[in-house]
Amino acid sequence: MIKTTFIGMFIIFLSFQSLAQQGNFQINLGFDAGITLNDYYQNQFPAGFGASVKGLMEGSSTGQLSLTGNYLYFPIDAPLPAGENLSLHLIPVLAGYRLNFQPFFLEPQLGGALLINRFKNAPITYSENQVEFAFAMELGYVLESLELSLRYQHAGPSPFHLGLLGIRAAYILTGR
């Protein structure tokens, strides 16, 4: 399932490159950190970190179409017996539209998220995967080749939804 997701993201980003001939195009490579906000995940997985890739294509004079893929790893915040490990992995793919208010931006996003709960007890590893609807609202600041943003991201149905506050720092690669 993960391999299929990454292959799909790779093909989408390649197609973005072919569309770059029609207008301004950029790719942002970033580092993400997230803090869970709801009780169900906050007690077990309070914070995580990961990386992200975002493709942006000029949509109008005041906005850009975006496609974001990221990976966040949340280790458990509890002592486990030696040789055991429990973690949550979040892989969202979100499409959005960035509204530019130079140098700030606001970007609503919709898509899906793959949530993976992985339990490891040597030599056995067990994982449970589920794909859920996801949305996010990102507010950011662009400073030359650097992008800093704060976002609220939500995935899954209540009461076991994952709501998180994400922080992102990204380097902007531009193309034409």
N, C-alpha and C. Protein backbone atom coordinates (compact mmCIF):
# COMPACT_ATOMS: atom_id res chain seq x y z
N MET A 1 0.81 -1.19 0.00
CA MET A 1 0.00 0.00 0.00
C MET A 1 0.86 1.26 0.00
N ILE A 2 1.91 1.29 0.83
CA ILE A 2 2.79 2.45 0.91
C ILE A 2 3.52 2.63 -0.41
N LYS A 3 3.98 1.51 -1.00
CA LYS A 3 4.70 1.58 -2.27
C LYS A 3 3.81 2.18 -3.35
N THR A 4 2.55 1.79 -3.40
CA THR A 4 1.60 2.32 -4.38
C THR A 4 1.40 3.82 -4.17
N THR A 5 1.30 4.25 -2.92
CA THR A 5 1.13 5.67 -2.62
C THR A 5 2.32 6.49 -3.11
N PHE A 6 3.53 6.02 -2.83
CA PHE A 6 4.71 6.76 -3.25
C PHE A 6 4.86 6.77 -4.77
N ILE A 7 4.54 5.68 -5.44
CA ILE A 7 4.60 5.65 -6.90
C ILE A 7 3.58 6.63 -7.49
N GLY A 8 2.39 6.67 -6.91
CA GLY A 8 1.36 7.60 -7.37
C GLY A 8 1.78 9.05 -7.19
N MET A 9 2.38 9.37 -6.02
CA MET A 9 2.86 10.73 -5.78
C MET A 9 3.97 11.10 -6.76
N PHE A 10 4.87 10.16 -7.05
CA PHE A 10 5.97 10.40 -7.97
C PHE A 10 5.44 10.72 -9.37
N ILE A 11 4.44 9.96 -9.84
CA ILE A 11 3.86 10.18 -11.16
C ILE A 11 3.16 11.54 -11.22
N ILE A 12 2.46 11.90 -10.15
CA ILE A 12 1.78 13.20 -10.12
C ILE A 12 2.78 14.33 -10.20
N PHE A 13 3.87 14.23 -9.44
CA PHE A 13 4.87 15.30 -9.47
C PHE A 13 5.58 15.36 -10.81
N LEU A 14 5.76 14.23 -11.49
CA LEU A 14 6.33 14.25 -12.83
C LEU A 14 5.38 14.95 -13.80
N SER A 15 4.08 14.71 -13.65
CA SER A 15 3.12 15.37 -14.53
C SER A 15 3.07 16.86 -14.25
N PHE A 16 3.27 17.28 -12.98
CA PHE A 16 3.37 18.70 -12.67
C PHE A 16 4.52 19.32 -13.45
N GLN A 17 5.65 18.62 -13.55
CA GLN A 17 6.82 19.14 -14.26
C GLN A 17 6.50 19.35 -15.74
N SER A 18 5.72 18.46 -16.34
CA SER A 18 5.39 18.62 -17.75
C SER A 18 4.43 19.81 -17.96
N LEU A 19 3.61 20.12 -16.95
CA LEU A 19 2.72 21.26 -17.05
C LEU A 19 3.44 22.57 -16.76
N ALA A 20 4.65 22.49 -16.24
CA ALA A 20 5.39 23.69 -15.87
C ALA A 20 5.72 24.54 -17.09
N GLN A 21 5.66 23.99 -18.27
CA GLN A 21 5.96 24.76 -19.46
C GLN A 21 4.90 25.83 -19.71
N GLN A 22 3.72 25.68 -19.12
CA GLN A 22 2.63 26.60 -19.36
C GLN A 22 2.63 27.79 -18.41
N GLY A 23 3.36 27.74 -17.31
CA GLY A 23 3.35 28.82 -16.33
C GLY A 23 4.40 28.59 -15.28
N ASN A 24 4.36 29.42 -14.25
CA ASN A 24 5.32 29.28 -13.16
C ASN A 24 5.02 28.02 -12.36
N PHE A 25 6.08 27.35 -11.99
CA PHE A 25 5.97 26.10 -11.25
C PHE A 25 7.03 26.09 -10.17
N GLN A 26 6.70 25.55 -9.01
CA GLN A 26 7.71 25.42 -7.97
C GLN A 26 7.48 24.16 -7.15
N ILE A 27 8.57 23.65 -6.60
CA ILE A 27 8.53 22.50 -5.69
C ILE A 27 9.15 22.95 -4.39
N ASN A 28 8.48 22.64 -3.28
CA ASN A 28 8.96 22.97 -1.95
C ASN A 28 9.32 21.69 -1.22
N LEU A 29 10.54 21.61 -0.71
CA LEU A 29 10.99 20.48 0.08
C LEU A 29 11.08 20.94 1.52
N GLY A 30 10.37 20.25 2.42
CA GLY A 30 10.29 20.77 3.78
C GLY A 30 10.45 19.76 4.89
N PHE A 31 10.65 20.31 6.07
CA PHE A 31 10.67 19.55 7.32
C PHE A 31 9.40 19.89 8.07
N ASP A 32 8.70 18.87 8.56
CA ASP A 32 7.44 19.06 9.28
C ASP A 32 7.54 18.56 10.71
N ALA A 33 6.81 19.22 11.59
CA ALA A 33 6.64 18.76 12.96
C ALA A 33 5.15 18.90 13.27
N GLY A 34 4.62 17.98 14.06
CA GLY A 34 3.20 18.03 14.37
C GLY A 34 2.92 17.72 15.83
N ILE A 35 1.90 18.38 16.37
CA ILE A 35 1.45 18.16 17.74
C ILE A 35 -0.01 17.73 17.65
N THR A 36 -0.34 16.56 18.19
CA THR A 36 -1.73 16.09 18.15
C THR A 36 -2.58 16.91 19.12
N LEU A 37 -3.84 17.13 18.75
CA LEU A 37 -4.72 18.00 19.53
C LEU A 37 -5.86 17.27 20.24
N ASN A 38 -6.21 16.07 19.82
CA ASN A 38 -7.33 15.38 20.47
C ASN A 38 -6.83 14.36 21.48
N ASP A 39 -7.66 14.07 22.48
CA ASP A 39 -7.26 13.22 23.61
C ASP A 39 -6.83 11.82 23.20
N TYR A 40 -7.52 11.22 22.25
CA TYR A 40 -7.23 9.83 21.88
C TYR A 40 -5.77 9.66 21.45
N TYR A 41 -5.28 10.54 20.59
CA TYR A 41 -3.90 10.44 20.12
C TYR A 41 -2.91 11.19 21.01
N GLN A 42 -3.35 12.25 21.69
CA GLN A 42 -2.45 13.07 22.48
C GLN A 42 -1.83 12.29 23.64
N ASN A 43 -2.56 11.36 24.23
CA ASN A 43 -2.03 10.58 25.33
C ASN A 43 -0.97 9.58 24.88
N GLN A 44 -1.11 9.03 23.68
CA GLN A 44 -0.18 8.02 23.19
C GLN A 44 0.90 8.60 22.27
N PHE A 45 0.50 9.46 21.36
CA PHE A 45 1.41 10.00 20.34
C PHE A 45 1.32 11.54 20.34
N PRO A 46 1.91 12.22 21.33
CA PRO A 46 1.71 13.66 21.44
C PRO A 46 2.39 14.50 20.36
N ALA A 47 3.52 14.04 19.83
CA ALA A 47 4.24 14.86 18.84
C ALA A 47 4.94 13.96 17.83
N GLY A 48 5.12 14.51 16.63
CA GLY A 48 5.79 13.75 15.58
C GLY A 48 6.58 14.67 14.68
N PHE A 49 7.31 14.07 13.76
CA PHE A 49 8.15 14.83 12.84
C PHE A 49 8.22 14.10 11.52
N GLY A 50 8.65 14.79 10.47
CA GLY A 50 8.74 14.16 9.16
C GLY A 50 9.18 15.14 8.09
N ALA A 51 8.86 14.79 6.86
CA ALA A 51 9.26 15.58 5.71
C ALA A 51 8.07 15.74 4.76
N SER A 52 8.18 16.74 3.88
CA SER A 52 7.09 16.98 2.94
C SER A 52 7.61 17.48 1.60
N VAL A 53 6.77 17.27 0.58
CA VAL A 53 7.03 17.76 -0.78
C VAL A 53 5.73 18.43 -1.23
N LYS A 54 5.88 19.65 -1.77
CA LYS A 54 4.70 20.37 -2.25
C LYS A 54 5.00 20.90 -3.64
N GLY A 55 4.09 20.64 -4.56
CA GLY A 55 4.18 21.19 -5.91
C GLY A 55 3.16 22.30 -6.06
N LEU A 56 3.57 23.42 -6.62
CA LEU A 56 2.68 24.57 -6.83
C LEU A 56 2.75 24.99 -8.28
N MET A 57 1.58 25.24 -8.87
CA MET A 57 1.51 25.68 -10.26
C MET A 57 0.61 26.91 -10.31
N GLU A 58 1.03 27.90 -11.09
CA GLU A 58 0.29 29.15 -11.17
C GLU A 58 -1.12 28.88 -11.66
N GLY A 59 -2.11 29.32 -10.87
CA GLY A 59 -3.51 29.13 -11.25
C GLY A 59 -4.15 30.43 -11.71
N SER A 60 -3.78 31.53 -11.06
CA SER A 60 -4.27 32.86 -11.43
C SER A 60 -3.26 33.88 -10.90
N SER A 61 -3.58 35.13 -11.07
CA SER A 61 -2.64 36.17 -10.61
C SER A 61 -2.55 36.23 -9.09
N THR A 62 -3.56 35.75 -8.39
CA THR A 62 -3.55 35.81 -6.93
C THR A 62 -3.47 34.44 -6.27
N GLY A 63 -3.34 33.37 -7.04
CA GLY A 63 -3.33 32.06 -6.41
C GLY A 63 -2.58 31.01 -7.20
N GLN A 64 -2.37 29.87 -6.54
CA GLN A 64 -1.66 28.74 -7.15
C GLN A 64 -2.37 27.45 -6.77
N LEU A 65 -2.37 26.49 -7.68
CA LEU A 65 -2.85 25.15 -7.39
C LEU A 65 -1.73 24.41 -6.68
N SER A 66 -2.08 23.58 -5.69
CA SER A 66 -1.03 22.88 -4.94
C SER A 66 -1.36 21.40 -4.80
N LEU A 67 -0.31 20.62 -4.67
CA LEU A 67 -0.41 19.20 -4.35
C LEU A 67 0.67 18.92 -3.32
N THR A 68 0.25 18.45 -2.15
CA THR A 68 1.16 18.24 -1.03
C THR A 68 1.15 16.79 -0.61
N GLY A 69 2.33 16.26 -0.41
CA GLY A 69 2.48 14.92 0.16
C GLY A 69 3.49 15.00 1.29
N ASN A 70 3.17 14.41 2.42
CA ASN A 70 4.15 14.40 3.50
C ASN A 70 4.09 13.11 4.29
N TYR A 71 5.07 12.94 5.12
CA TYR A 71 5.18 11.77 5.98
C TYR A 71 5.49 12.26 7.38
N LEU A 72 4.67 11.85 8.35
CA LEU A 72 4.91 12.20 9.74
C LEU A 72 5.00 10.93 10.58
N TYR A 73 5.98 10.87 11.43
CA TYR A 73 6.23 9.73 12.32
C TYR A 73 5.97 10.17 13.76
N PHE A 74 5.06 9.44 14.43
CA PHE A 74 4.72 9.73 15.82
C PHE A 74 5.11 8.52 16.68
N PRO A 75 6.20 8.61 17.45
CA PRO A 75 6.56 7.52 18.35
C PRO A 75 5.67 7.56 19.60
N ILE A 76 5.49 6.41 20.25
CA ILE A 76 4.66 6.37 21.45
C ILE A 76 5.37 7.08 22.60
N ASP A 77 4.59 7.73 23.44
CA ASP A 77 5.13 8.45 24.59
C ASP A 77 4.85 7.67 25.87
N ALA A 78 5.33 6.45 25.92
CA ALA A 78 5.16 5.61 27.11
C ALA A 78 6.27 4.57 27.12
N PRO A 79 6.73 4.24 28.30
CA PRO A 79 7.78 3.20 28.36
C PRO A 79 7.20 1.83 27.99
N LEU A 80 7.92 1.12 27.13
CA LEU A 80 7.52 -0.22 26.72
C LEU A 80 8.62 -1.19 27.10
N PRO A 81 8.29 -2.46 27.27
CA PRO A 81 9.34 -3.45 27.57
C PRO A 81 10.40 -3.47 26.47
N ALA A 82 11.58 -3.90 26.82
CA ALA A 82 12.70 -3.96 25.87
C ALA A 82 12.32 -4.77 24.64
N GLY A 83 12.65 -4.26 23.47
CA GLY A 83 12.37 -4.95 22.21
C GLY A 83 11.01 -4.64 21.62
N GLU A 84 10.18 -3.86 22.32
CA GLU A 84 8.86 -3.50 21.81
C GLU A 84 8.85 -2.04 21.35
N ASN A 85 8.05 -1.77 20.33
CA ASN A 85 7.93 -0.42 19.81
C ASN A 85 6.52 -0.26 19.24
N LEU A 86 5.92 0.89 19.47
CA LEU A 86 4.60 1.21 18.95
C LEU A 86 4.69 2.60 18.34
N SER A 87 4.21 2.76 17.10
CA SER A 87 4.31 4.06 16.44
C SER A 87 3.13 4.28 15.50
N LEU A 88 2.88 5.54 15.21
CA LEU A 88 1.86 5.95 14.26
C LEU A 88 2.56 6.65 13.11
N HIS A 89 2.21 6.29 11.89
CA HIS A 89 2.77 6.91 10.68
C HIS A 89 1.61 7.52 9.91
N LEU A 90 1.75 8.78 9.51
CA LEU A 90 0.71 9.49 8.79
C LEU A 90 1.26 9.94 7.44
N ILE A 91 0.56 9.54 6.36
CA ILE A 91 0.97 9.90 5.00
C ILE A 91 -0.23 10.53 4.29
N PRO A 92 -0.38 11.86 4.40
CA PRO A 92 -1.47 12.53 3.68
C PRO A 92 -1.05 13.00 2.29
N VAL A 93 -1.99 12.98 1.37
CA VAL A 93 -1.82 13.58 0.04
C VAL A 93 -3.00 14.53 -0.12
N LEU A 94 -2.69 15.83 -0.24
CA LEU A 94 -3.72 16.86 -0.23
C LEU A 94 -3.58 17.79 -1.44
N ALA A 95 -4.69 18.09 -2.07
CA ALA A 95 -4.73 19.07 -3.16
C ALA A 95 -5.35 20.34 -2.60
N GLY A 96 -4.85 21.49 -3.05
CA GLY A 96 -5.37 22.74 -2.51
C GLY A 96 -5.21 23.89 -3.47
N TYR A 97 -5.60 25.04 -2.98
CA TYR A 97 -5.46 26.29 -3.73
C TYR A 97 -4.88 27.33 -2.80
N ARG A 98 -3.72 27.86 -3.15
CA ARG A 98 -3.03 28.85 -2.33
C ARG A 98 -3.46 30.25 -2.73
N LEU A 99 -3.96 31.00 -1.76
CA LEU A 99 -4.31 32.41 -1.95
C LEU A 99 -3.12 33.24 -1.48
N ASN A 100 -2.51 33.98 -2.38
CA ASN A 100 -1.31 34.76 -2.07
C ASN A 100 -1.67 36.18 -1.66
N PHE A 101 -1.16 36.57 -0.49
CA PHE A 101 -1.26 37.94 0.02
C PHE A 101 0.17 38.35 0.37
N GLN A 102 0.99 38.58 -0.62
CA GLN A 102 2.43 38.75 -0.49
C GLN A 102 2.82 39.48 0.78
N PRO A 103 3.69 38.95 1.61
CA PRO A 103 4.41 37.69 1.55
C PRO A 103 3.68 36.55 2.26
N PHE A 104 2.45 36.77 2.70
CA PHE A 104 1.68 35.73 3.40
C PHE A 104 0.84 34.94 2.41
N PHE A 105 0.38 33.75 2.86
CA PHE A 105 -0.54 32.96 2.05
C PHE A 105 -1.49 32.19 2.95
N LEU A 106 -2.64 31.83 2.39
CA LEU A 106 -3.64 31.00 3.05
C LEU A 106 -3.97 29.89 2.06
N GLU A 107 -3.93 28.64 2.53
CA GLU A 107 -4.09 27.51 1.62
C GLU A 107 -5.01 26.43 2.20
N PRO A 108 -6.28 26.39 1.78
CA PRO A 108 -7.15 25.27 2.15
C PRO A 108 -6.81 24.05 1.30
N GLN A 109 -6.90 22.84 1.89
CA GLN A 109 -6.52 21.61 1.20
C GLN A 109 -7.51 20.48 1.52
N LEU A 110 -7.73 19.61 0.54
CA LEU A 110 -8.56 18.41 0.70
C LEU A 110 -7.83 17.21 0.12
N GLY A 111 -8.07 16.03 0.67
CA GLY A 111 -7.44 14.83 0.13
C GLY A 111 -7.68 13.63 1.01
N GLY A 112 -6.69 12.78 1.06
CA GLY A 112 -6.77 11.56 1.85
C GLY A 112 -5.50 11.36 2.65
N ALA A 113 -5.60 10.52 3.67
CA ALA A 113 -4.44 10.23 4.52
C ALA A 113 -4.40 8.75 4.83
N LEU A 114 -3.21 8.20 4.73
CA LEU A 114 -2.96 6.82 5.12
C LEU A 114 -2.42 6.85 6.54
N LEU A 115 -3.13 6.21 7.47
CA LEU A 115 -2.69 6.10 8.86
C LEU A 115 -2.22 4.67 9.10
N ILE A 116 -1.02 4.53 9.61
CA ILE A 116 -0.44 3.21 9.86
C ILE A 116 -0.08 3.12 11.34
N ASN A 117 -0.69 2.18 12.05
CA ASN A 117 -0.30 1.88 13.43
C ASN A 117 0.60 0.65 13.37
N ARG A 118 1.83 0.81 13.85
CA ARG A 118 2.80 -0.29 13.77
C ARG A 118 3.24 -0.69 15.17
N PHE A 119 3.14 -1.98 15.44
CA PHE A 119 3.59 -2.54 16.71
C PHE A 119 4.70 -3.54 16.41
N LYS A 120 5.82 -3.38 17.10
CA LYS A 120 6.95 -4.28 16.89
C LYS A 120 7.33 -4.92 18.21
N ASN A 121 7.32 -6.23 18.21
CA ASN A 121 7.78 -7.02 19.34
C ASN A 121 8.67 -8.09 18.74
N ALA A 122 9.98 -7.87 18.80
CA ALA A 122 10.95 -8.73 18.10
C ALA A 122 10.64 -10.19 18.32
N PRO A 123 10.57 -10.99 17.30
CA PRO A 123 10.81 -10.76 15.88
C PRO A 123 9.53 -10.47 15.09
N ILE A 124 8.41 -10.24 15.76
CA ILE A 124 7.12 -10.06 15.08
C ILE A 124 6.82 -8.57 14.94
N THR A 125 6.37 -8.18 13.73
CA THR A 125 5.91 -6.82 13.49
C THR A 125 4.50 -6.89 12.94
N TYR A 126 3.61 -6.11 13.53
CA TYR A 126 2.22 -6.07 13.12
C TYR A 126 1.86 -4.63 12.79
N SER A 127 1.17 -4.41 11.69
CA SER A 127 0.72 -3.06 11.37
C SER A 127 -0.72 -3.09 10.89
N GLU A 128 -1.41 -2.01 11.20
CA GLU A 128 -2.80 -1.84 10.81
C GLU A 128 -2.90 -0.56 9.99
N ASN A 129 -3.42 -0.65 8.78
CA ASN A 129 -3.49 0.49 7.86
C ASN A 129 -4.93 0.89 7.61
N GLN A 130 -5.16 2.20 7.46
CA GLN A 130 -6.47 2.68 7.06
C GLN A 130 -6.31 3.98 6.29
N VAL A 131 -7.12 4.15 5.27
CA VAL A 131 -7.12 5.37 4.47
C VAL A 131 -8.36 6.17 4.87
N GLU A 132 -8.15 7.45 5.18
CA GLU A 132 -9.25 8.30 5.64
C GLU A 132 -9.27 9.61 4.87
N PHE A 133 -10.45 10.24 4.83
CA PHE A 133 -10.59 11.58 4.26
C PHE A 133 -9.81 12.55 5.14
N ALA A 134 -9.14 13.53 4.53
CA ALA A 134 -8.36 14.50 5.29
C ALA A 134 -8.54 15.90 4.71
N PHE A 135 -8.40 16.88 5.57
CA PHE A 135 -8.39 18.28 5.12
C PHE A 135 -7.42 19.06 5.99
N ALA A 136 -7.01 20.20 5.47
CA ALA A 136 -6.08 21.05 6.21
C ALA A 136 -6.30 22.50 5.83
N MET A 137 -5.89 23.39 6.72
CA MET A 137 -5.87 24.82 6.45
C MET A 137 -4.49 25.32 6.88
N GLU A 138 -3.76 25.88 5.93
CA GLU A 138 -2.38 26.28 6.17
C GLU A 138 -2.25 27.80 6.01
N LEU A 139 -1.54 28.41 6.95
CA LEU A 139 -1.23 29.83 6.92
C LEU A 139 0.28 29.95 6.93
N GLY A 140 0.84 30.71 5.98
CA GLY A 140 2.29 30.75 5.90
C GLY A 140 2.86 32.08 5.48
N TYR A 141 4.19 32.10 5.47
CA TYR A 141 4.97 33.28 5.14
C TYR A 141 6.09 32.85 4.21
N VAL A 142 6.28 33.57 3.10
CA VAL A 142 7.34 33.27 2.14
C VAL A 142 8.40 34.36 2.22
N LEU A 143 9.64 33.93 2.41
CA LEU A 143 10.78 34.84 2.50
C LEU A 143 11.84 34.37 1.52
N GLU A 144 11.86 34.97 0.32
CA GLU A 144 12.75 34.59 -0.77
C GLU A 144 12.64 33.10 -1.07
N SER A 145 13.65 32.27 -0.71
CA SER A 145 13.62 30.83 -1.01
C SER A 145 13.18 29.99 0.18
N LEU A 146 12.60 30.62 1.19
CA LEU A 146 12.20 29.92 2.41
C LEU A 146 10.71 30.12 2.64
N GLU A 147 10.03 29.05 3.03
CA GLU A 147 8.61 29.11 3.33
C GLU A 147 8.39 28.57 4.74
N LEU A 148 7.72 29.34 5.58
CA LEU A 148 7.39 28.93 6.94
C LEU A 148 5.87 28.91 7.06
N SER A 149 5.32 27.83 7.63
CA SER A 149 3.87 27.77 7.73
C SER A 149 3.41 27.04 8.98
N LEU A 150 2.16 27.31 9.31
CA LEU A 150 1.46 26.70 10.43
C LEU A 150 0.15 26.18 9.87
N ARG A 151 -0.24 24.95 10.22
CA ARG A 151 -1.48 24.41 9.67
C ARG A 151 -2.24 23.58 10.69
N TYR A 152 -3.55 23.54 10.48
CA TYR A 152 -4.40 22.60 11.20
C TYR A 152 -4.74 21.51 10.20
N GLN A 153 -4.53 20.25 10.60
CA GLN A 153 -4.80 19.12 9.71
C GLN A 153 -5.69 18.13 10.45
N HIS A 154 -6.63 17.56 9.74
CA HIS A 154 -7.63 16.66 10.33
C HIS A 154 -7.77 15.43 9.43
N ALA A 155 -7.79 14.26 10.03
CA ALA A 155 -7.98 13.02 9.27
C ALA A 155 -8.79 12.03 10.10
N GLY A 156 -9.72 11.36 9.46
CA GLY A 156 -10.48 10.30 10.10
C GLY A 156 -11.77 10.75 10.74
N PRO A 157 -12.64 9.77 11.04
CA PRO A 157 -13.94 10.07 11.64
C PRO A 157 -13.84 10.18 13.17
N SER A 158 -14.78 10.88 13.78
CA SER A 158 -14.87 10.96 15.24
C SER A 158 -15.29 9.61 15.80
N PRO A 159 -14.95 9.25 16.98
CA PRO A 159 -14.17 9.97 17.96
C PRO A 159 -12.67 9.72 17.84
N PHE A 160 -12.24 8.91 16.88
CA PHE A 160 -10.83 8.55 16.76
C PHE A 160 -10.13 9.31 15.64
N HIS A 161 -10.57 10.53 15.37
CA HIS A 161 -9.94 11.34 14.33
C HIS A 161 -8.58 11.84 14.82
N LEU A 162 -7.75 12.17 13.87
CA LEU A 162 -6.44 12.73 14.19
C LEU A 162 -6.45 14.21 13.80
N GLY A 163 -6.47 15.06 14.80
CA GLY A 163 -6.37 16.50 14.58
C GLY A 163 -4.98 16.92 15.03
N LEU A 164 -4.29 17.66 14.17
CA LEU A 164 -2.94 18.06 14.57
C LEU A 164 -2.63 19.48 14.14
N LEU A 165 -1.72 20.10 14.89
CA LEU A 165 -1.19 21.39 14.57
C LEU A 165 0.19 21.15 13.98
N GLY A 166 0.38 21.51 12.72
CA GLY A 166 1.63 21.25 12.03
C GLY A 166 2.44 22.51 11.80
N ILE A 167 3.74 22.36 11.90
CA ILE A 167 4.68 23.45 11.64
C ILE A 167 5.58 22.98 10.51
N ARG A 168 5.83 23.85 9.54
CA ARG A 168 6.60 23.44 8.36
C ARG A 168 7.60 24.51 7.97
N ALA A 169 8.82 24.08 7.68
CA ALA A 169 9.85 24.94 7.11
C ALA A 169 10.29 24.29 5.81
N ALA A 170 10.25 25.04 4.71
CA ALA A 170 10.53 24.44 3.40
C ALA A 170 11.45 25.33 2.56
N TYR A 171 12.21 24.67 1.71
CA TYR A 171 13.06 25.35 0.74
C TYR A 171 12.34 25.33 -0.60
N ILE A 172 12.30 26.46 -1.28
CA ILE A 172 11.53 26.61 -2.53
C ILE A 172 12.46 26.45 -3.72
N LEU A 173 12.13 25.50 -4.61
CA LEU A 173 12.83 25.31 -5.89
C LEU A 173 11.88 25.80 -6.97
N THR A 174 12.28 26.79 -7.74
CA THR A 174 11.39 27.33 -8.76
C THR A 174 11.78 26.83 -10.15
N GLY A 175 10.80 26.78 -11.03
CA GLY A 175 11.00 26.38 -12.42
C GLY A 175 10.08 27.16 -13.32
N ARG A 176 10.34 27.11 -14.60
CA ARG A 176 9.47 27.79 -15.57
C ARG A 176 9.16 26.86 -16.69
